[in-house]
N, C-alpha and C. Protein backbone atom coordinates (compact mmCIF):
# COMPACT_ATOMS: atom_id res chain seq x y z
N MET A 1 8.71 -11.22 -3.86
CA MET A 1 7.58 -11.29 -2.65
C MET A 1 6.72 -9.31 -2.98
N VAL A 2 7.55 -8.70 -3.68
CA VAL A 2 7.08 -7.22 -4.08
C VAL A 2 6.04 -7.28 -5.00
N ALA A 3 7.12 -7.94 -6.28
CA ALA A 3 6.56 -8.05 -8.09
C ALA A 3 4.91 -8.49 -7.29
N ALA A 4 5.18 -10.40 -6.80
CA ALA A 4 3.46 -10.94 -6.05
C ALA A 4 2.99 -10.21 -4.81
N PHE A 5 3.22 -9.39 -4.50
CA PHE A 5 2.30 -8.51 -3.95
C PHE A 5 1.93 -7.15 -4.85
N GLU A 6 1.79 -7.10 -5.54
CA GLU A 6 2.12 -5.48 -6.43
C GLU A 6 0.92 -6.70 -7.83
N VAL A 7 1.38 -7.81 -8.21
CA VAL A 7 -0.06 -8.25 -9.10
C VAL A 7 -1.30 -8.77 -8.71
N ALA A 8 -1.07 -9.23 -7.45
CA ALA A 8 -2.41 -9.58 -6.52
C ALA A 8 -3.51 -8.99 -6.10
N VAL A 9 -2.60 -7.61 -5.95
CA VAL A 9 -3.79 -6.89 -5.12
C VAL A 9 -4.46 -6.19 -6.37
N THR A 10 -3.33 -5.27 -7.67
CA THR A 10 -3.73 -4.99 -8.90
C THR A 10 -4.46 -6.31 -9.44
N SER A 11 -5.00 -6.62 -9.18
CA SER A 11 -5.49 -8.23 -10.32
C SER A 11 -6.58 -8.04 -9.48
N GLY A 12 -6.79 -8.13 -8.11
CA GLY A 12 -7.66 -8.07 -6.63
C GLY A 12 -7.58 -9.99 -6.88
N ASP A 13 -6.54 -10.30 -6.59
CA ASP A 13 -6.81 -11.78 -6.17
C ASP A 13 -6.17 -12.07 -4.35
N LEU A 14 -8.14 -12.60 -4.10
CA LEU A 14 -7.50 -12.41 -2.66
C LEU A 14 -6.83 -13.11 -2.03
N THR A 15 -6.79 -14.85 -2.80
CA THR A 15 -6.14 -16.08 -1.74
C THR A 15 -4.76 -15.66 -2.80
N GLY A 16 -3.79 -15.01 -3.90
CA GLY A 16 -3.27 -14.94 -4.20
C GLY A 16 -2.42 -13.43 -2.66
N LEU A 17 -3.78 -12.66 -2.08
CA LEU A 17 -3.08 -12.10 -1.53
C LEU A 17 -2.72 -11.93 -0.55
N ILE A 18 -2.98 -13.05 0.02
CA ILE A 18 -3.15 -13.53 1.44
C ILE A 18 -2.23 -14.46 1.63
N HIS A 19 -1.71 -15.00 0.50
CA HIS A 19 -0.30 -16.18 0.63
C HIS A 19 1.14 -15.64 0.05
N VAL A 20 1.28 -14.58 0.29
CA VAL A 20 2.52 -13.11 0.34
C VAL A 20 2.08 -11.87 1.73
N LEU A 21 1.10 -12.80 1.71
CA LEU A 21 1.09 -12.00 3.73
C LEU A 21 1.91 -12.46 4.94
N ASP A 22 2.41 -12.45 5.47
CA ASP A 22 2.61 -12.63 6.77
C ASP A 22 1.20 -13.15 7.71
N PRO A 23 1.09 -14.31 8.48
CA PRO A 23 -0.55 -14.28 9.35
C PRO A 23 -0.47 -13.27 10.65
N ASP A 24 0.48 -12.83 10.70
CA ASP A 24 0.26 -11.24 11.46
C ASP A 24 1.10 -9.77 10.62
N VAL A 25 0.97 -9.45 9.46
CA VAL A 25 1.50 -8.75 9.13
C VAL A 25 0.36 -7.64 9.31
N VAL A 26 0.94 -5.85 9.23
CA VAL A 26 0.32 -5.38 9.45
C VAL A 26 0.59 -3.98 8.73
N LEU A 27 -1.14 -3.09 8.40
CA LEU A 27 -0.87 -2.31 7.65
C LEU A 27 -0.85 -0.88 8.81
N VAL A 28 -0.27 0.72 8.35
CA VAL A 28 -0.26 1.36 8.97
C VAL A 28 -0.61 2.36 7.87
N SER A 29 -1.76 3.64 7.96
CA SER A 29 -1.41 5.18 7.33
C SER A 29 -1.78 5.79 7.25
N ASP A 30 -1.31 6.71 7.01
CA ASP A 30 -1.20 8.49 7.38
C ASP A 30 -1.88 8.99 6.85
N GLY A 31 -2.96 9.62 7.13
CA GLY A 31 -3.55 10.71 6.43
C GLY A 31 -3.33 11.48 6.57
N GLY A 32 -2.61 11.83 8.44
CA GLY A 32 -2.13 13.08 8.79
C GLY A 32 -4.31 13.77 8.85
N GLY A 33 -4.87 13.38 9.52
CA GLY A 33 -6.42 13.91 9.57
C GLY A 33 -6.96 15.61 7.95
N VAL A 34 -6.17 14.95 7.27
CA VAL A 34 -7.27 16.29 6.15
C VAL A 34 -7.34 14.84 4.98
N VAL A 35 -6.69 13.30 4.61
CA VAL A 35 -7.63 12.61 4.18
C VAL A 35 -8.00 11.56 5.05
N THR A 36 -8.60 11.16 3.93
CA THR A 36 -9.60 9.44 5.07
C THR A 36 -8.21 8.40 4.91
N ALA A 37 -8.07 7.67 5.51
CA ALA A 37 -7.04 6.43 6.56
C ALA A 37 -7.50 5.92 7.40
N ALA A 38 -7.13 4.63 7.93
CA ALA A 38 -7.83 3.24 8.57
C ALA A 38 -7.34 5.09 9.94
N ARG A 39 -7.52 4.80 10.88
CA ARG A 39 -7.05 4.97 11.91
C ARG A 39 -6.30 4.37 12.95
N ARG A 40 -6.86 2.90 12.93
CA ARG A 40 -5.77 2.13 13.49
C ARG A 40 -4.93 1.02 13.46
N PRO A 41 -4.29 0.39 14.00
CA PRO A 41 -3.32 -0.73 12.37
C PRO A 41 -4.17 -1.27 12.39
N ILE A 42 -4.23 -2.17 10.80
CA ILE A 42 -5.31 -3.52 10.65
C ILE A 42 -4.05 -4.19 10.07
N GLU A 43 -4.78 -5.08 11.31
CA GLU A 43 -4.04 -6.76 11.84
C GLU A 43 -4.00 -7.81 10.74
N GLY A 44 -3.39 -8.64 10.58
CA GLY A 44 -3.05 -10.14 10.49
C GLY A 44 -3.93 -9.67 8.60
N ALA A 45 -3.50 -11.66 7.67
CA ALA A 45 -3.32 -10.91 6.39
C ALA A 45 -4.76 -11.16 5.42
N ASP A 46 -5.84 -11.71 6.04
CA ASP A 46 -6.70 -11.00 5.55
C ASP A 46 -7.47 -10.02 5.87
N ARG A 47 -7.75 -9.89 6.97
CA ARG A 47 -7.89 -8.07 7.68
C ARG A 47 -7.43 -7.11 5.82
N VAL A 48 -5.95 -7.22 6.05
CA VAL A 48 -4.58 -6.55 5.42
C VAL A 48 -5.63 -7.01 3.35
N ALA A 49 -5.36 -8.06 3.29
CA ALA A 49 -5.54 -8.64 1.85
C ALA A 49 -7.53 -7.82 1.43
N ARG A 50 -8.29 -7.81 2.30
CA ARG A 50 -9.48 -7.13 1.98
C ARG A 50 -10.33 -5.61 2.15
N PHE A 51 -8.52 -5.59 2.86
CA PHE A 51 -8.63 -4.11 3.38
C PHE A 51 -7.91 -2.93 1.71
N LEU A 52 -7.34 -3.84 2.07
CA LEU A 52 -6.59 -2.71 -0.09
C LEU A 52 -7.68 -3.25 -0.49
N LEU A 53 -8.38 -4.99 -0.80
CA LEU A 53 -8.77 -5.46 -2.48
C LEU A 53 -10.47 -4.04 -2.29
N GLY A 54 -10.27 -4.05 -1.38
CA GLY A 54 -11.74 -3.41 -1.19
C GLY A 54 -11.36 -1.48 -1.19
N VAL A 55 -9.99 -0.47 -0.79
CA VAL A 55 -9.33 0.81 -1.17
C VAL A 55 -9.52 0.16 -2.19
N MET A 56 -8.96 -0.27 -3.06
CA MET A 56 -8.75 0.05 -4.85
C MET A 56 -10.08 -0.59 -5.91
N ALA A 57 -10.94 -1.09 -5.03
CA ALA A 57 -12.65 -1.08 -5.71
C ALA A 57 -13.29 0.08 -5.63
N LYS A 58 -12.04 0.71 -5.29
CA LYS A 58 -13.53 2.44 -4.91
C LYS A 58 -12.50 3.55 -5.66
N GLY A 59 -13.34 2.44 -7.07
CA GLY A 59 -12.44 3.70 -7.76
C GLY A 59 -11.30 4.05 -7.94
N GLN A 60 -10.37 3.51 -7.42
CA GLN A 60 -8.89 3.00 -7.95
C GLN A 60 -7.75 2.53 -8.94
N SER A 61 -9.23 2.61 -10.14
CA SER A 61 -8.95 1.48 -11.50
C SER A 61 -8.14 2.71 -12.47
N GLN A 62 -8.40 3.81 -12.60
CA GLN A 62 -7.26 4.66 -13.10
C GLN A 62 -6.01 5.09 -12.16
N VAL A 63 -5.68 4.33 -10.74
CA VAL A 63 -4.57 4.71 -10.07
C VAL A 63 -2.98 4.48 -11.48
N ARG A 64 -1.91 4.59 -10.97
CA ARG A 64 -0.68 4.26 -12.19
C ARG A 64 0.21 4.37 -10.39
N ILE A 65 1.00 2.77 -10.96
CA ILE A 65 1.75 2.97 -9.63
C ILE A 65 3.31 2.54 -10.63
N ASP A 66 4.45 4.09 -9.15
CA ASP A 66 5.83 2.76 -10.14
C ASP A 66 6.52 3.01 -8.31
N HIS A 67 7.15 1.57 -9.15
CA HIS A 67 7.71 1.46 -7.44
C HIS A 67 9.30 2.09 -7.00
N VAL A 68 8.68 2.82 -6.11
CA VAL A 68 10.34 3.89 -5.44
C VAL A 68 10.64 2.82 -4.39
N ALA A 69 12.37 3.12 -4.07
CA ALA A 69 12.27 2.36 -3.25
C ALA A 69 12.05 3.88 -1.35
N VAL A 70 11.86 3.06 -0.64
CA VAL A 70 10.99 4.53 -0.25
C VAL A 70 11.82 3.75 1.79
N ASN A 71 13.76 4.73 2.05
CA ASN A 71 14.21 4.95 3.50
C ASN A 71 14.85 3.44 2.87
N GLY A 72 14.93 3.16 1.76
CA GLY A 72 16.32 2.63 1.16
C GLY A 72 15.18 1.32 1.44
N ALA A 73 13.69 1.12 1.06
CA ALA A 73 13.10 -0.98 1.73
C ALA A 73 12.25 -0.16 0.24
N PRO A 74 11.71 -2.01 -0.17
CA PRO A 74 11.24 -1.60 -1.89
C PRO A 74 9.52 -1.12 -0.98
N GLY A 75 9.42 -0.25 -2.18
CA GLY A 75 7.46 0.22 -2.06
C GLY A 75 6.93 1.28 -3.58
N PHE A 76 5.56 1.66 -3.58
CA PHE A 76 5.32 1.97 -4.49
C PHE A 76 5.06 3.43 -4.20
N ALA A 77 4.97 3.93 -5.55
CA ALA A 77 4.06 5.35 -5.94
C ALA A 77 2.97 5.44 -6.35
N LEU A 78 1.66 6.39 -5.38
CA LEU A 78 0.44 6.41 -6.56
C LEU A 78 0.33 6.60 -7.03
N TYR A 79 0.02 7.64 -7.77
CA TYR A 79 0.03 8.86 -8.23
C TYR A 79 -2.16 8.74 -9.10
N GLN A 80 -3.05 8.87 -8.92
CA GLN A 80 -4.00 9.70 -9.52
C GLN A 80 -3.75 10.98 -10.61
N GLU A 81 -3.57 11.01 -11.83
CA GLU A 81 -4.48 11.47 -13.32
C GLU A 81 -3.48 12.44 -13.15
N ASP A 82 -1.40 12.02 -12.74
CA ASP A 82 -0.44 12.14 -12.80
C ASP A 82 -0.08 13.54 -10.53
N GLU A 83 -0.99 13.15 -9.71
CA GLU A 83 -0.85 14.21 -8.51
C GLU A 83 -0.58 11.76 -7.84
N LEU A 84 0.98 12.62 -6.79
CA LEU A 84 1.64 11.82 -6.33
C LEU A 84 -0.16 11.65 -4.94
N VAL A 85 -1.47 10.47 -4.67
CA VAL A 85 -1.85 10.23 -3.99
C VAL A 85 -1.14 9.62 -2.39
N THR A 86 -0.35 8.38 -2.12
CA THR A 86 0.40 7.66 -1.03
C THR A 86 1.47 6.99 -2.16
N VAL A 87 2.64 6.92 -0.61
CA VAL A 87 3.28 6.25 -0.81
C VAL A 87 3.36 5.62 -0.16
N VAL A 88 3.73 4.10 -0.25
CA VAL A 88 4.14 2.74 0.82
C VAL A 88 4.80 2.21 0.19
N SER A 89 5.25 1.57 1.21
CA SER A 89 6.40 1.05 2.02
C SER A 89 5.90 -0.38 2.34
N VAL A 90 7.26 -1.39 0.90
CA VAL A 90 6.51 -2.47 2.07
C VAL A 90 7.87 -3.07 2.55
N THR A 91 7.52 -3.52 3.58
CA THR A 91 8.80 -4.75 4.52
C THR A 91 8.58 -6.04 4.76
N VAL A 92 9.26 -7.20 3.93
CA VAL A 92 9.99 -8.65 3.99
C VAL A 92 10.45 -8.92 4.81
N ALA A 93 10.39 -9.77 5.34
CA ALA A 93 11.34 -10.97 6.32
C ALA A 93 10.70 -12.25 6.31
N ARG A 94 11.50 -13.43 6.10
CA ARG A 94 10.64 -14.34 5.78
C ARG A 94 10.03 -14.36 5.18
N GLY A 95 10.09 -14.01 3.39
CA GLY A 95 9.86 -14.03 2.52
C GLY A 95 8.85 -14.24 3.13
N LYS A 96 7.58 -13.05 2.97
CA LYS A 96 6.67 -12.87 3.55
C LYS A 96 7.19 -10.87 3.20
N VAL A 97 5.10 -10.14 3.31
CA VAL A 97 5.15 -9.03 3.30
C VAL A 97 4.83 -8.34 4.98
N ILE A 98 5.60 -7.96 5.71
CA ILE A 98 5.12 -8.21 7.00
C ILE A 98 5.20 -7.25 7.64
N ARG A 99 4.85 -5.28 7.18
CA ARG A 99 4.06 -4.42 7.43
C ARG A 99 4.46 -4.08 5.56
N LEU A 100 3.06 -2.66 6.38
CA LEU A 100 2.81 -1.60 4.58
C LEU A 100 2.49 -0.80 5.75
N ASP A 101 3.00 0.02 4.61
CA ASP A 101 3.43 1.99 5.51
C ASP A 101 3.05 2.40 4.69
N LEU A 102 1.60 3.50 4.76
CA LEU A 102 1.04 4.47 3.40
C LEU A 102 0.68 5.47 4.49
N VAL A 103 1.06 6.11 3.03
CA VAL A 103 1.42 8.23 3.61
C VAL A 103 0.66 8.39 3.36
N LEU A 104 -0.01 8.94 2.79
CA LEU A 104 -1.57 9.62 2.45
C LEU A 104 -1.46 11.49 2.12
N ALA A 105 -1.24 11.64 3.75
CA ALA A 105 -1.38 13.02 3.91
C ALA A 105 -0.89 14.15 3.30
N PRO A 106 -1.51 15.11 2.38
CA PRO A 106 -0.86 15.46 1.09
C PRO A 106 1.29 15.72 1.87
N ALA A 107 0.23 16.76 2.85
CA ALA A 107 1.87 17.81 3.37
C ALA A 107 3.22 16.84 3.50
N LYS A 108 2.22 15.66 4.12
CA LYS A 108 3.87 14.26 4.37
C LYS A 108 4.40 13.87 2.61
N LEU A 109 3.44 13.67 1.16
CA LEU A 109 3.79 13.70 0.25
C LEU A 109 5.58 14.60 -0.70
N PRO A 110 5.72 13.30 -1.15
CA PRO A 110 7.03 14.40 -1.82
C PRO A 110 6.68 15.06 -2.80
N ARG A 111 7.03 16.72 -2.21
CA ARG A 111 6.60 17.99 -3.24
C ARG A 111 7.21 17.26 -4.27
N PRO A 112 6.72 17.74 -6.08
CA PRO A 112 7.60 17.04 -7.57
C PRO A 112 8.44 19.13 -7.18
N ARG A 113 9.54 18.57 -8.14
CA ARG A 113 10.38 18.97 -8.22
C ARG A 113 10.25 19.99 -9.32
N CYS A 114 10.74 21.47 -9.48
CA CYS A 114 11.12 22.80 -10.61
C CYS A 114 11.91 22.81 -11.81
């Protein structure tokens, strides 16, 4: 399911993305007041899908995506020019993505190890 989610988001496939999202999916983003993020949770498959594809369309083509574990759950680390800019935690239940948590706040992202 997480792989299908990634393919739909990166290819801009609205129908495919809606298909992997639970009808009641919730997306929460945390910009820490420093970077732009959704101020309120985004609810519903159509709204979440359109939000994600809109974000990807805004110059996000140069983003590198790595698969990571986020607190034991599947997730993604997004990099721009080798700088970590977002960590996404994906919660799956009943064969659908039911929740997405995005951390964009620079102070809350892991620091590179020296």
